[in-house]
Amino acid sequence: MSDGLKCPQCGSEHVYQDGELWVCPECAHEWSPLAAATASDNEQGVRDAHGNPLSDGDSVTVIKDLKVKGSSLVVKGGTKVKNIRLVDADDGHNIACKIDGIGAMNLKSEFVKKA
């Protein structure tokens, strides 16, 4: 039978294997469990603007001028930020850091590159 697999689209337990693919007879969705596992591994983790994986303690460089919300300060492009900390934030600001002259703040990973 399906060995505990469920359709990722509709959740049906009535799936069957057809060659290398699994097929759901209820919604006609076809998928490869191996490709799905590889895709989920690639989605995990924080990546910089160029797709490089980031981790705690890395150094990054800001790639464009960023206005600091609620202040007249600007983080200039090319500013190097050391010892970042990755956080799980709902607003997309997934890097916590301290910038010289500005202080503690959060950045979006799409505006930095790994140094």
PDB file of N, CA and C in Angstrom:
ATOM      1  N   MET A   1       0.838  -1.176   0.000  1.00  0.00           N
ATOM      2  CA  MET A   1       0.000   0.000   0.000  1.00  0.00           C
ATOM      3  C   MET A   1       0.886   1.243   0.000  1.00  0.00           C
ATOM      4  N   SER A   2       0.603   2.219   0.839  1.00  0.00           N
ATOM      5  CA  SER A   2       1.317   3.487   0.790  1.00  0.00           C
ATOM      6  C   SER A   2       2.419   3.605   1.842  1.00  0.00           C
ATOM      7  N   ASP A   3       2.539   2.646   2.758  1.00  0.00           N
ATOM      8  CA  ASP A   3       3.556   2.666   3.804  1.00  0.00           C
ATOM      9  C   ASP A   3       3.514   3.943   4.639  1.00  0.00           C
ATOM     10  N   GLY A   4       2.323   4.464   4.923  1.00  0.00           N
ATOM     11  CA  GLY A   4       2.182   5.643   5.770  1.00  0.00           C
ATOM     12  C   GLY A   4       2.302   6.968   5.048  1.00  0.00           C
ATOM     13  N   LEU A   5       2.530   6.962   3.742  1.00  0.00           N
ATOM     14  CA  LEU A   5       2.607   8.221   3.010  1.00  0.00           C
ATOM     15  C   LEU A   5       1.225   8.806   2.803  1.00  0.00           C
ATOM     16  N   LYS A   6       1.170  10.129   2.805  1.00  0.00           N
ATOM     17  CA  LYS A   6      -0.071  10.835   2.513  1.00  0.00           C
ATOM     18  C   LYS A   6       0.183  11.818   1.388  1.00  0.00           C
ATOM     19  N   CYS A   7      -0.851  12.133   0.659  1.00  0.00           N
ATOM     20  CA  CYS A   7      -0.744  13.105  -0.421  1.00  0.00           C
ATOM     21  C   CYS A   7      -0.448  14.484   0.178  1.00  0.00           C
ATOM     22  N   PRO A   8       0.619  15.164  -0.295  1.00  0.00           N
ATOM     23  CA  PRO A   8       0.927  16.484   0.252  1.00  0.00           C
ATOM     24  C   PRO A   8      -0.085  17.551  -0.148  1.00  0.00           C
ATOM     25  N   GLN A   9      -0.885  17.282  -1.167  1.00  0.00           N
ATOM     26  CA  GLN A   9      -1.860  18.260  -1.626  1.00  0.00           C
ATOM     27  C   GLN A   9      -3.192  18.146  -0.887  1.00  0.00           C
ATOM     28  N   CYS A  10      -3.740  16.938  -0.815  1.00  0.00           N
ATOM     29  CA  CYS A  10      -5.071  16.788  -0.212  1.00  0.00           C
ATOM     30  C   CYS A  10      -5.060  15.975   1.085  1.00  0.00           C
ATOM     31  N   GLY A  11      -3.939  15.319   1.415  1.00  0.00           N
ATOM     32  CA  GLY A  11      -3.843  14.558   2.649  1.00  0.00           C
ATOM     33  C   GLY A  11      -4.424  13.155   2.579  1.00  0.00           C
ATOM     34  N   SER A  12      -4.783  12.696   1.414  1.00  0.00           N
ATOM     35  CA  SER A  12      -5.375  11.372   1.254  1.00  0.00           C
ATOM     36  C   SER A  12      -4.358  10.282   1.574  1.00  0.00           C
ATOM     37  N   GLU A  13      -4.835   9.206   2.204  1.00  0.00           N
ATOM     38  CA  GLU A  13      -3.973   8.073   2.502  1.00  0.00           C
ATOM     39  C   GLU A  13      -3.966   7.041   1.372  1.00  0.00           C
ATOM     40  N   HIS A  14      -4.816   7.225   0.377  1.00  0.00           N
ATOM     41  CA  HIS A  14      -4.948   6.268  -0.718  1.00  0.00           C
ATOM     42  C   HIS A  14      -4.011   6.633  -1.861  1.00  0.00           C
ATOM     43  N   VAL A  15      -2.709   6.519  -1.632  1.00  0.00           N
ATOM     44  CA  VAL A  15      -1.717   6.843  -2.653  1.00  0.00           C
ATOM     45  C   VAL A  15      -1.048   5.560  -3.116  1.00  0.00           C
ATOM     46  N   TYR A  16      -0.534   5.593  -4.329  1.00  0.00           N
ATOM     47  CA  TYR A  16       0.163   4.420  -4.846  1.00  0.00           C
ATOM     48  C   TYR A  16       1.388   4.865  -5.627  1.00  0.00           C
ATOM     49  N   GLN A  17       2.351   3.933  -5.744  1.00  0.00           N
ATOM     50  CA  GLN A  17       3.593   4.237  -6.425  1.00  0.00           C
ATOM     51  C   GLN A  17       3.484   3.842  -7.887  1.00  0.00           C
ATOM     52  N   ASP A  18       3.954   4.749  -8.765  1.00  0.00           N
ATOM     53  CA  ASP A  18       3.990   4.501 -10.202  1.00  0.00           C
ATOM     54  C   ASP A  18       5.399   4.820 -10.683  1.00  0.00           C
ATOM     55  N   GLY A  19       6.243   3.814 -10.737  1.00  0.00           N
ATOM     56  CA  GLY A  19       7.651   4.042 -11.078  1.00  0.00           C
ATOM     57  C   GLY A  19       8.339   4.735  -9.920  1.00  0.00           C
ATOM     58  N   GLU A  20       8.956   5.899 -10.177  1.00  0.00           N
ATOM     59  CA  GLU A  20       9.612   6.653  -9.122  1.00  0.00           C
ATOM     60  C   GLU A  20       8.678   7.657  -8.451  1.00  0.00           C
ATOM     61  N   LEU A  21       7.499   7.875  -9.011  1.00  0.00           N
ATOM     62  CA  LEU A  21       6.558   8.859  -8.481  1.00  0.00           C
ATOM     63  C   LEU A  21       5.473   8.205  -7.652  1.00  0.00           C
ATOM     64  N   TRP A  22       4.910   8.986  -6.742  1.00  0.00           N
ATOM     65  CA  TRP A  22       3.729   8.591  -5.998  1.00  0.00           C
ATOM     66  C   TRP A  22       2.554   9.353  -6.569  1.00  0.00           C
ATOM     67  N   VAL A  23       1.384   8.706  -6.651  1.00  0.00           N
ATOM     68  CA  VAL A  23       0.196   9.293  -7.269  1.00  0.00           C
ATOM     69  C   VAL A  23      -0.970   9.216  -6.291  1.00  0.00           C
ATOM     70  N   CYS A  24      -1.746  10.299  -6.246  1.00  0.00           N
ATOM     71  CA  CYS A  24      -2.957  10.333  -5.438  1.00  0.00           C
ATOM     72  C   CYS A  24      -4.148  10.159  -6.381  1.00  0.00           C
ATOM     73  N   PRO A  25      -4.955   9.107  -6.201  1.00  0.00           N
ATOM     74  CA  PRO A  25      -6.096   8.899  -7.095  1.00  0.00           C
ATOM     75  C   PRO A  25      -7.241   9.886  -6.848  1.00  0.00           C
ATOM     76  N   GLU A  26      -7.252  10.543  -5.700  1.00  0.00           N
ATOM     77  CA  GLU A  26      -8.351  11.461  -5.392  1.00  0.00           C
ATOM     78  C   GLU A  26      -8.168  12.838  -6.028  1.00  0.00           C
ATOM     79  N   CYS A  27      -6.940  13.365  -6.031  1.00  0.00           N
ATOM     80  CA  CYS A  27      -6.728  14.702  -6.603  1.00  0.00           C
ATOM     81  C   CYS A  27      -5.784  14.679  -7.808  1.00  0.00           C
ATOM     82  N   ALA A  28      -5.269  13.503  -8.177  1.00  0.00           N
ATOM     83  CA  ALA A  28      -4.384  13.300  -9.324  1.00  0.00           C
ATOM     84  C   ALA A  28      -3.035  14.002  -9.168  1.00  0.00           C
ATOM     85  N   HIS A  29      -2.639  14.281  -7.940  1.00  0.00           N
ATOM     86  CA  HIS A  29      -1.341  14.912  -7.686  1.00  0.00           C
ATOM     87  C   HIS A  29      -0.253  13.847  -7.753  1.00  0.00           C
ATOM     88  N   GLU A  30       0.874  14.172  -8.434  1.00  0.00           N
ATOM     89  CA  GLU A  30       2.017  13.264  -8.524  1.00  0.00           C
ATOM     90  C   GLU A  30       3.219  13.947  -7.881  1.00  0.00           C
ATOM     91  N   TRP A  31       4.025  13.195  -7.115  1.00  0.00           N
ATOM     92  CA  TRP A  31       5.199  13.770  -6.480  1.00  0.00           C
ATOM     93  C   TRP A  31       6.233  12.702  -6.235  1.00  0.00           C
ATOM     94  N   SER A  32       7.459  13.157  -5.999  1.00  0.00           N
ATOM     95  CA  SER A  32       8.564  12.271  -5.648  1.00  0.00           C
ATOM     96  C   SER A  32       8.952  12.574  -4.205  1.00  0.00           C
ATOM     97  N   PRO A  33       8.862  11.604  -3.311  1.00  0.00           N
ATOM     98  CA  PRO A  33       9.216  11.863  -1.909  1.00  0.00           C
ATOM     99  C   PRO A  33      10.667  12.320  -1.744  1.00  0.00           C
ATOM    100  N   LEU A  34      11.569  11.839  -2.581  1.00  0.00           N
ATOM    101  CA  LEU A  34      12.973  12.239  -2.499  1.00  0.00           C
ATOM    102  C   LEU A  34      13.140  13.702  -2.883  1.00  0.00           C
ATOM    103  N   ALA A  35      12.476  14.149  -3.948  1.00  0.00           N
ATOM    104  CA  ALA A  35      12.566  15.552  -4.377  1.00  0.00           C
ATOM    105  C   ALA A  35      11.931  16.476  -3.348  1.00  0.00           C
ATOM    106  N   ALA A  36      10.852  16.049  -2.729  1.00  0.00           N
ATOM    107  CA  ALA A  36      10.190  16.862  -1.711  1.00  0.00           C
ATOM    108  C   ALA A  36      11.097  17.035  -0.494  1.00  0.00           C
ATOM    109  N   ALA A  37      11.818  15.983  -0.096  1.00  0.00           N
ATOM    110  CA  ALA A  37      12.729  16.081   1.040  1.00  0.00           C
ATOM    111  C   ALA A  37      13.894  17.001   0.727  1.00  0.00           C
ATOM    112  N   THR A  38      14.426  16.938  -0.493  1.00  0.00           N
ATOM    113  CA  THR A  38      15.526  17.810  -0.899  1.00  0.00           C
ATOM    114  C   THR A  38      15.074  19.253  -0.948  1.00  0.00           C
ATOM    115  N   ALA A  39      13.865  19.516  -1.444  1.00  0.00           N
ATOM    116  CA  ALA A  39      13.350  20.881  -1.526  1.00  0.00           C
ATOM    117  C   ALA A  39      13.157  21.468  -0.134  1.00  0.00           C
ATOM    118  N   SER A  40      12.673  20.675   0.819  1.00  0.00           N
ATOM    119  CA  SER A  40      12.469  21.203   2.164  1.00  0.00           C
ATOM    120  C   SER A  40      13.802  21.486   2.844  1.00  0.00           C
ATOM    121  N   ASP A  41      14.860  20.712   2.541  1.00  0.00           N
ATOM    122  CA  ASP A  41      16.180  20.987   3.090  1.00  0.00           C
ATOM    123  C   ASP A  41      16.717  22.303   2.548  1.00  0.00           C
ATOM    124  N   ASN A  42      16.457  22.610   1.282  1.00  0.00           N
ATOM    125  CA  ASN A  42      16.931  23.844   0.678  1.00  0.00           C
ATOM    126  C   ASN A  42      16.186  25.053   1.217  1.00  0.00           C
ATOM    127  N   GLU A  43      14.929  24.895   1.626  1.00  0.00           N
ATOM    128  CA  GLU A  43      14.140  26.004   2.119  1.00  0.00           C
ATOM    129  C   GLU A  43      14.507  26.370   3.549  1.00  0.00           C
ATOM    130  N   GLN A  44      15.071  25.446   4.280  1.00  0.00           N
ATOM    131  CA  GLN A  44      15.406  25.706   5.669  1.00  0.00           C
ATOM    132  C   GLN A  44      16.634  26.593   5.747  1.00  0.00           C
ATOM    133  N   GLY A  45      16.681  27.410   6.761  1.00  0.00           N
ATOM    134  CA  GLY A  45      17.838  28.255   6.971  1.00  0.00           C
ATOM    135  C   GLY A  45      17.667  29.625   6.345  1.00  0.00           C
ATOM    136  N   VAL A  46      18.482  30.545   6.811  1.00  0.00           N
ATOM    137  CA  VAL A  46      18.463  31.915   6.317  1.00  0.00           C
ATOM    138  C   VAL A  46      19.548  32.058   5.261  1.00  0.00           C
ATOM    139  N   ARG A  47      19.205  32.708   4.163  1.00  0.00           N
ATOM    140  CA  ARG A  47      20.157  32.918   3.071  1.00  0.00           C
ATOM    141  C   ARG A  47      20.297  34.400   2.796  1.00  0.00           C
ATOM    142  N   ASP A  48      21.504  34.806   2.348  1.00  0.00           N
ATOM    143  CA  ASP A  48      21.740  36.211   2.039  1.00  0.00           C
ATOM    144  C   ASP A  48      21.186  36.561   0.658  1.00  0.00           C
ATOM    145  N   ALA A  49      21.460  37.767   0.188  1.00  0.00           N
ATOM    146  CA  ALA A  49      20.930  38.248  -1.088  1.00  0.00           C
ATOM    147  C   ALA A  49      21.425  37.420  -2.267  1.00  0.00           C
ATOM    148  N   HIS A  50      22.560  36.752  -2.128  1.00  0.00           N
ATOM    149  CA  HIS A  50      23.123  35.942  -3.204  1.00  0.00           C
ATOM    150  C   HIS A  50      22.859  34.452  -3.033  1.00  0.00           C
ATOM    151  N   GLY A  51      22.084  34.071  -2.029  1.00  0.00           N
ATOM    152  CA  GLY A  51      21.719  32.675  -1.823  1.00  0.00           C
ATOM    153  C   GLY A  51      22.673  31.888  -0.946  1.00  0.00           C
ATOM    154  N   ASN A  52      23.658  32.539  -0.361  1.00  0.00           N
ATOM    155  CA  ASN A  52      24.600  31.848   0.518  1.00  0.00           C
ATOM    156  C   ASN A  52      23.962  31.630   1.894  1.00  0.00           C
ATOM    157  N   PRO A  53      24.110  30.442   2.475  1.00  0.00           N
ATOM    158  CA  PRO A  53      23.515  30.192   3.799  1.00  0.00           C
ATOM    159  C   PRO A  53      24.237  30.992   4.882  1.00  0.00           C
ATOM    160  N   LEU A  54      23.461  31.525   5.813  1.00  0.00           N
ATOM    161  CA  LEU A  54      24.006  32.279   6.935  1.00  0.00           C
ATOM    162  C   LEU A  54      23.835  31.484   8.217  1.00  0.00           C
ATOM    163  N   SER A  55      24.731  31.710   9.160  1.00  0.00           N
ATOM    164  CA  SER A  55      24.611  31.063  10.468  1.00  0.00           C
ATOM    165  C   SER A  55      25.022  32.048  11.552  1.00  0.00           C
ATOM    166  N   ASP A  56      24.720  31.705  12.795  1.00  0.00           N
ATOM    167  CA  ASP A  56      25.080  32.566  13.922  1.00  0.00           C
ATOM    168  C   ASP A  56      26.584  32.790  13.956  1.00  0.00           C
ATOM    169  N   GLY A  57      26.983  34.039  14.217  1.00  0.00           N
ATOM    170  CA  GLY A  57      28.396  34.368  14.332  1.00  0.00           C
ATOM    171  C   GLY A  57      29.040  34.810  13.031  1.00  0.00           C
ATOM    172  N   ASP A  58      28.345  34.713  11.907  1.00  0.00           N
ATOM    173  CA  ASP A  58      28.893  35.145  10.623  1.00  0.00           C
ATOM    174  C   ASP A  58      29.044  36.655  10.589  1.00  0.00           C
ATOM    175  N   SER A  59      29.854  37.124   9.637  1.00  0.00           N
ATOM    176  CA  SER A  59      29.960  38.541   9.339  1.00  0.00           C
ATOM    177  C   SER A  59      29.300  38.781   8.000  1.00  0.00           C
ATOM    178  N   VAL A  60      28.553  39.881   7.892  1.00  0.00           N
ATOM    179  CA  VAL A  60      27.864  40.217   6.651  1.00  0.00           C
ATOM    180  C   VAL A  60      28.145  41.666   6.288  1.00  0.00           C
ATOM    181  N   THR A  61      27.901  41.996   5.022  1.00  0.00           N
ATOM    182  CA  THR A  61      28.051  43.353   4.533  1.00  0.00           C
ATOM    183  C   THR A  61      26.711  43.818   3.996  1.00  0.00           C
ATOM    184  N   VAL A  62      26.284  45.008   4.384  1.00  0.00           N
ATOM    185  CA  VAL A  62      25.027  45.582   3.900  1.00  0.00           C
ATOM    186  C   VAL A  62      25.233  45.975   2.435  1.00  0.00           C
ATOM    187  N   ILE A  63      24.279  45.628   1.551  1.00  0.00           N
ATOM    188  CA  ILE A  63      24.475  45.855   0.118  1.00  0.00           C
ATOM    189  C   ILE A  63      23.832  47.141  -0.399  1.00  0.00           C
ATOM    190  N   LYS A  64      23.000  47.808   0.408  1.00  0.00           N
ATOM    191  CA  LYS A  64      22.407  49.074  -0.019  1.00  0.00           C
ATOM    192  C   LYS A  64      22.122  49.932   1.202  1.00  0.00           C
ATOM    193  N   ASP A  65      21.955  51.228   0.981  1.00  0.00           N
ATOM    194  CA  ASP A  65      21.637  52.132   2.082  1.00  0.00           C
ATOM    195  C   ASP A  65      20.278  51.766   2.665  1.00  0.00           C
ATOM    196  N   LEU A  66      20.211  51.682   3.992  1.00  0.00           N
ATOM    197  CA  LEU A  66      18.967  51.333   4.676  1.00  0.00           C
ATOM    198  C   LEU A  66      18.625  52.411   5.692  1.00  0.00           C
ATOM    199  N   LYS A  67      17.434  52.963   5.592  1.00  0.00           N
ATOM    200  CA  LYS A  67      16.972  53.934   6.571  1.00  0.00           C
ATOM    201  C   LYS A  67      16.576  53.199   7.840  1.00  0.00           C
ATOM    202  N   VAL A  68      16.923  53.786   8.983  1.00  0.00           N
ATOM    203  CA  VAL A  68      16.558  53.211  10.262  1.00  0.00           C
ATOM    204  C   VAL A  68      15.194  53.775  10.642  1.00  0.00           C
ATOM    205  N   LYS A  69      14.226  52.893  10.783  1.00  0.00           N
ATOM    206  CA  LYS A  69      12.853  53.315  11.059  1.00  0.00           C
ATOM    207  C   LYS A  69      12.774  54.067  12.396  1.00  0.00           C
ATOM    208  N   GLY A  70      12.091  55.219  12.379  1.00  0.00           N
ATOM    209  CA  GLY A  70      11.919  56.007  13.581  1.00  0.00           C
ATOM    210  C   GLY A  70      13.117  56.865  13.915  1.00  0.00           C
ATOM    211  N   SER A  71      14.045  57.018  12.977  1.00  0.00           N
ATOM    212  CA  SER A  71      15.253  57.784  13.221  1.00  0.00           C
ATOM    213  C   SER A  71      15.702  58.428  11.916  1.00  0.00           C
ATOM    214  N   SER A  72      16.609  59.381  12.014  1.00  0.00           N
ATOM    215  CA  SER A  72      17.160  59.994  10.801  1.00  0.00           C
ATOM    216  C   SER A  72      18.455  59.311  10.385  1.00  0.00           C
ATOM    217  N   LEU A  73      18.842  58.253  11.084  1.00  0.00           N
ATOM    218  CA  LEU A  73      20.072  57.528  10.783  1.00  0.00           C
ATOM    219  C   LEU A  73      19.914  56.655   9.543  1.00  0.00           C
ATOM    220  N   VAL A  74      21.041  56.392   8.868  1.00  0.00           N
ATOM    221  CA  VAL A  74      21.062  55.531   7.691  1.00  0.00           C
ATOM    222  C   VAL A  74      22.227  54.558   7.832  1.00  0.00           C
ATOM    223  N   VAL A  75      21.957  53.280   7.567  1.00  0.00           N
ATOM    224  CA  VAL A  75      23.022  52.274   7.505  1.00  0.00           C
ATOM    225  C   VAL A  75      23.505  52.282   6.060  1.00  0.00           C
ATOM    226  N   LYS A  76      24.740  52.716   5.854  1.00  0.00           N
ATOM    227  CA  LYS A  76      25.286  52.856   4.506  1.00  0.00           C
ATOM    228  C   LYS A  76      25.613  51.501   3.887  1.00  0.00           C
ATOM    229  N   GLY A  77      25.441  51.403   2.581  1.00  0.00           N
ATOM    230  CA  GLY A  77      25.841  50.205   1.858  1.00  0.00           C
ATOM    231  C   GLY A  77      27.338  50.005   2.014  1.00  0.00           C
ATOM    232  N   GLY A  78      27.769  48.779   2.213  1.00  0.00           N
ATOM    233  CA  GLY A  78      29.178  48.487   2.434  1.00  0.00           C
ATOM    234  C   GLY A  78      29.544  48.370   3.898  1.00  0.00           C
ATOM    235  N   THR A  79      28.606  48.682   4.798  1.00  0.00           N
ATOM    236  CA  THR A  79      28.864  48.557   6.233  1.00  0.00           C
ATOM    237  C   THR A  79      29.010  47.093   6.598  1.00  0.00           C
ATOM    238  N   LYS A  80      30.109  46.759   7.270  1.00  0.00           N
ATOM    239  CA  LYS A  80      30.340  45.376   7.682  1.00  0.00           C
ATOM    240  C   LYS A  80      29.763  45.164   9.072  1.00  0.00           C
ATOM    241  N   VAL A  81      29.001  44.107   9.232  1.00  0.00           N
ATOM    242  CA  VAL A  81      28.373  43.770  10.510  1.00  0.00           C
ATOM    243  C   VAL A  81      28.940  42.428  10.954  1.00  0.00           C
ATOM    244  N   LYS A  82      29.534  42.413  12.155  1.00  0.00           N
ATOM    245  CA  LYS A  82      30.165  41.201  12.668  1.00  0.00           C
ATOM    246  C   LYS A  82      29.269  40.513  13.686  1.00  0.00           C
ATOM    247  N   ASN A  83      29.456  39.229  13.801  1.00  0.00           N
ATOM    248  CA  ASN A  83      28.813  38.419  14.845  1.00  0.00           C
ATOM    249  C   ASN A  83      27.282  38.555  14.834  1.00  0.00           C
ATOM    250  N   ILE A  84      26.665  38.195  13.715  1.00  0.00           N
ATOM    251  CA  ILE A  84      25.204  38.269  13.623  1.00  0.00           C
ATOM    252  C   ILE A  84      24.572  37.124  14.392  1.00  0.00           C
ATOM    253  N   ARG A  85      23.304  37.297  14.713  1.00  0.00           N
ATOM    254  CA  ARG A  85      22.528  36.254  15.377  1.00  0.00           C
ATOM    255  C   ARG A  85      21.239  36.083  14.591  1.00  0.00           C
ATOM    256  N   LEU A  86      20.921  34.863  14.190  1.00  0.00           N
ATOM    257  CA  LEU A  86      19.708  34.585  13.425  1.00  0.00           C
ATOM    258  C   LEU A  86      18.529  34.444  14.379  1.00  0.00           C
ATOM    259  N   VAL A  87      17.431  35.109  14.031  1.00  0.00           N
ATOM    260  CA  VAL A  87      16.219  35.057  14.843  1.00  0.00           C
ATOM    261  C   VAL A  87      15.052  34.694  13.936  1.00  0.00           C
ATOM    262  N   ASP A  88      14.013  34.151  14.544  1.00  0.00           N
ATOM    263  CA  ASP A  88      12.811  33.800  13.801  1.00  0.00           C
ATOM    264  C   ASP A  88      11.795  34.919  14.004  1.00  0.00           C
ATOM    265  N   ALA A  89      11.638  35.768  12.975  1.00  0.00           N
ATOM    266  CA  ALA A  89      10.747  36.920  13.098  1.00  0.00           C
ATOM    267  C   ALA A  89       9.653  36.851  12.038  1.00  0.00           C
ATOM    268  N   ASP A  90       8.452  37.274  12.425  1.00  0.00           N
ATOM    269  CA  ASP A  90       7.328  37.253  11.493  1.00  0.00           C
ATOM    270  C   ASP A  90       7.408  38.365  10.453  1.00  0.00           C
ATOM    271  N   ASP A  91       8.120  39.454  10.764  1.00  0.00           N
ATOM    272  CA  ASP A  91       8.163  40.592   9.858  1.00  0.00           C
ATOM    273  C   ASP A  91       9.295  40.518   8.842  1.00  0.00           C
ATOM    274  N   GLY A  92      10.059  39.434   8.809  1.00  0.00           N
ATOM    275  CA  GLY A  92      11.115  39.262   7.824  1.00  0.00           C
ATOM    276  C   GLY A  92      12.480  39.727   8.286  1.00  0.00           C
ATOM    277  N   HIS A  93      12.558  40.410   9.414  1.00  0.00           N
ATOM    278  CA  HIS A  93      13.840  40.862   9.951  1.00  0.00           C
ATOM    279  C   HIS A  93      14.451  39.698  10.729  1.00  0.00           C
ATOM    280  N   ASN A  94      15.201  38.849  10.024  1.00  0.00           N
ATOM    281  CA  ASN A  94      15.667  37.604  10.619  1.00  0.00           C
ATOM    282  C   ASN A  94      17.131  37.633  11.063  1.00  0.00           C
ATOM    283  N   ILE A  95      17.762  38.807  11.091  1.00  0.00           N
ATOM    284  CA  ILE A  95      19.133  38.938  11.575  1.00  0.00           C
ATOM    285  C   ILE A  95      19.157  39.976  12.689  1.00  0.00           C
ATOM    286  N   ALA A  96      19.606  39.580  13.870  1.00  0.00           N
ATOM    287  CA  ALA A  96      19.804  40.512  14.975  1.00  0.00           C
ATOM    288  C   ALA A  96      21.295  40.820  15.044  1.00  0.00           C
ATOM    289  N   CYS A  97      21.627  42.108  15.178  1.00  0.00           N
ATOM    290  CA  CYS A  97      23.030  42.491  15.172  1.00  0.00           C
ATOM    291  C   CYS A  97      23.228  43.805  15.913  1.00  0.00           C
ATOM    292  N   LYS A  98      24.487  44.185  16.065  1.00  0.00           N
ATOM    293  CA  LYS A  98      24.838  45.469  16.651  1.00  0.00           C
ATOM    294  C   LYS A  98      25.734  46.171  15.636  1.00  0.00           C
ATOM    295  N   ILE A  99      25.347  47.388  15.236  1.00  0.00           N
ATOM    296  CA  ILE A  99      26.096  48.156  14.245  1.00  0.00           C
ATOM    297  C   ILE A  99      26.764  49.320  14.952  1.00  0.00           C
ATOM    298  N   ASP A 100      28.064  49.489  14.723  1.00  0.00           N
ATOM    299  CA  ASP A 100      28.814  50.583  15.345  1.00  0.00           C
ATOM    300  C   ASP A 100      28.202  51.923  14.963  1.00  0.00           C
ATOM    301  N   GLY A 101      27.987  52.781  15.946  1.00  0.00           N
ATOM    302  CA  GLY A 101      27.439  54.105  15.715  1.00  0.00           C
ATOM    303  C   GLY A 101      25.926  54.146  15.685  1.00  0.00           C
ATOM    304  N   ILE A 102      25.280  52.992  15.600  1.00  0.00           N
ATOM    305  CA  ILE A 102      23.813  52.951  15.555  1.00  0.00           C
ATOM    306  C   ILE A 102      23.264  52.156  16.727  1.00  0.00           C
ATOM    307  N   GLY A 103      23.826  50.997  16.986  1.00  0.00           N
ATOM    308  CA  GLY A 103      23.385  50.163  18.100  1.00  0.00           C
ATOM    309  C   GLY A 103      22.728  48.884  17.632  1.00  0.00           C
ATOM    310  N   ALA A 104      21.974  48.272  18.529  1.00  0.00           N
ATOM    311  CA  ALA A 104      21.322  46.997  18.241  1.00  0.00           C
ATOM    312  C   ALA A 104      20.152  47.218  17.294  1.00  0.00           C
ATOM    313  N   MET A 105      20.031  46.344  16.316  1.00  0.00           N
ATOM    314  CA  MET A 105      18.924  46.413  15.374  1.00  0.00           C
ATOM    315  C   MET A 105      18.740  45.081  14.684  1.00  0.00           C
ATOM    316  N   ASN A 106      17.647  44.955  13.945  1.00  0.00           N
ATOM    317  CA  ASN A 106      17.362  43.762  13.159  1.00  0.00           C
ATOM    318  C   ASN A 106      17.419  44.127  11.685  1.00  0.00           C
ATOM    319  N   LEU A 107      17.943  43.201  10.871  1.00  0.00           N
ATOM    320  CA  LEU A 107      18.047  43.394   9.425  1.00  0.00           C
ATOM    321  C   LEU A 107      17.341  42.270   8.702  1.00  0.00           C
ATOM    322  N   LYS A 108      16.944  42.538   7.466  1.00  0.00           N
ATOM    323  CA  LYS A 108      16.423  41.486   6.597  1.00  0.00           C
ATOM    324  C   LYS A 108      17.597  40.876   5.843  1.00  0.00           C
ATOM    325  N   SER A 109      17.593  39.566   5.707  1.00  0.00           N
ATOM    326  CA  SER A 109      18.706  38.880   5.056  1.00  0.00           C
ATOM    327  C   SER A 109      18.807  39.217   3.576  1.00  0.00           C
ATOM    328  N   GLU A 110      17.750  39.722   2.965  1.00  0.00           N
ATOM    329  CA  GLU A 110      17.782  40.064   1.542  1.00  0.00           C
ATOM    330  C   GLU A 110      18.615  41.311   1.256  1.00  0.00           C
ATOM    331  N   PHE A 111      19.015  42.046   2.307  1.00  0.00           N
ATOM    332  CA  PHE A 111      19.797  43.267   2.123  1.00  0.00           C
ATOM    333  C   PHE A 111      21.238  43.118   2.570  1.00  0.00           C
ATOM    334  N   VAL A 112      21.704  41.892   2.784  1.00  0.00           N
ATOM    335  CA  VAL A 112      23.085  41.660   3.187  1.00  0.00           C
ATOM    336  C   VAL A 112      23.708  40.567   2.321  1.00  0.00           C
ATOM    337  N   LYS A 113      25.034  40.577   2.294  1.00  0.00           N
ATOM    338  CA  LYS A 113      25.768  39.478   1.658  1.00  0.00           C
ATOM    339  C   LYS A 113      26.803  38.983   2.649  1.00  0.00           C
ATOM    340  N   LYS A 114      27.116  37.709   2.567  1.00  0.00           N
ATOM    341  CA  LYS A 114      28.066  37.104   3.487  1.00  0.00           C
ATOM    342  C   LYS A 114      29.458  37.674   3.210  1.00  0.00           C
ATOM    343  N   ALA A 115      30.147  38.058   4.270  1.00  0.00           N
ATOM    344  CA  ALA A 115      31.478  38.662   4.112  1.00  0.00           C
ATOM    345  C   ALA A 115      32.568  37.602   4.127  1.00  0.00           C
TER     346      ALA A 115
END
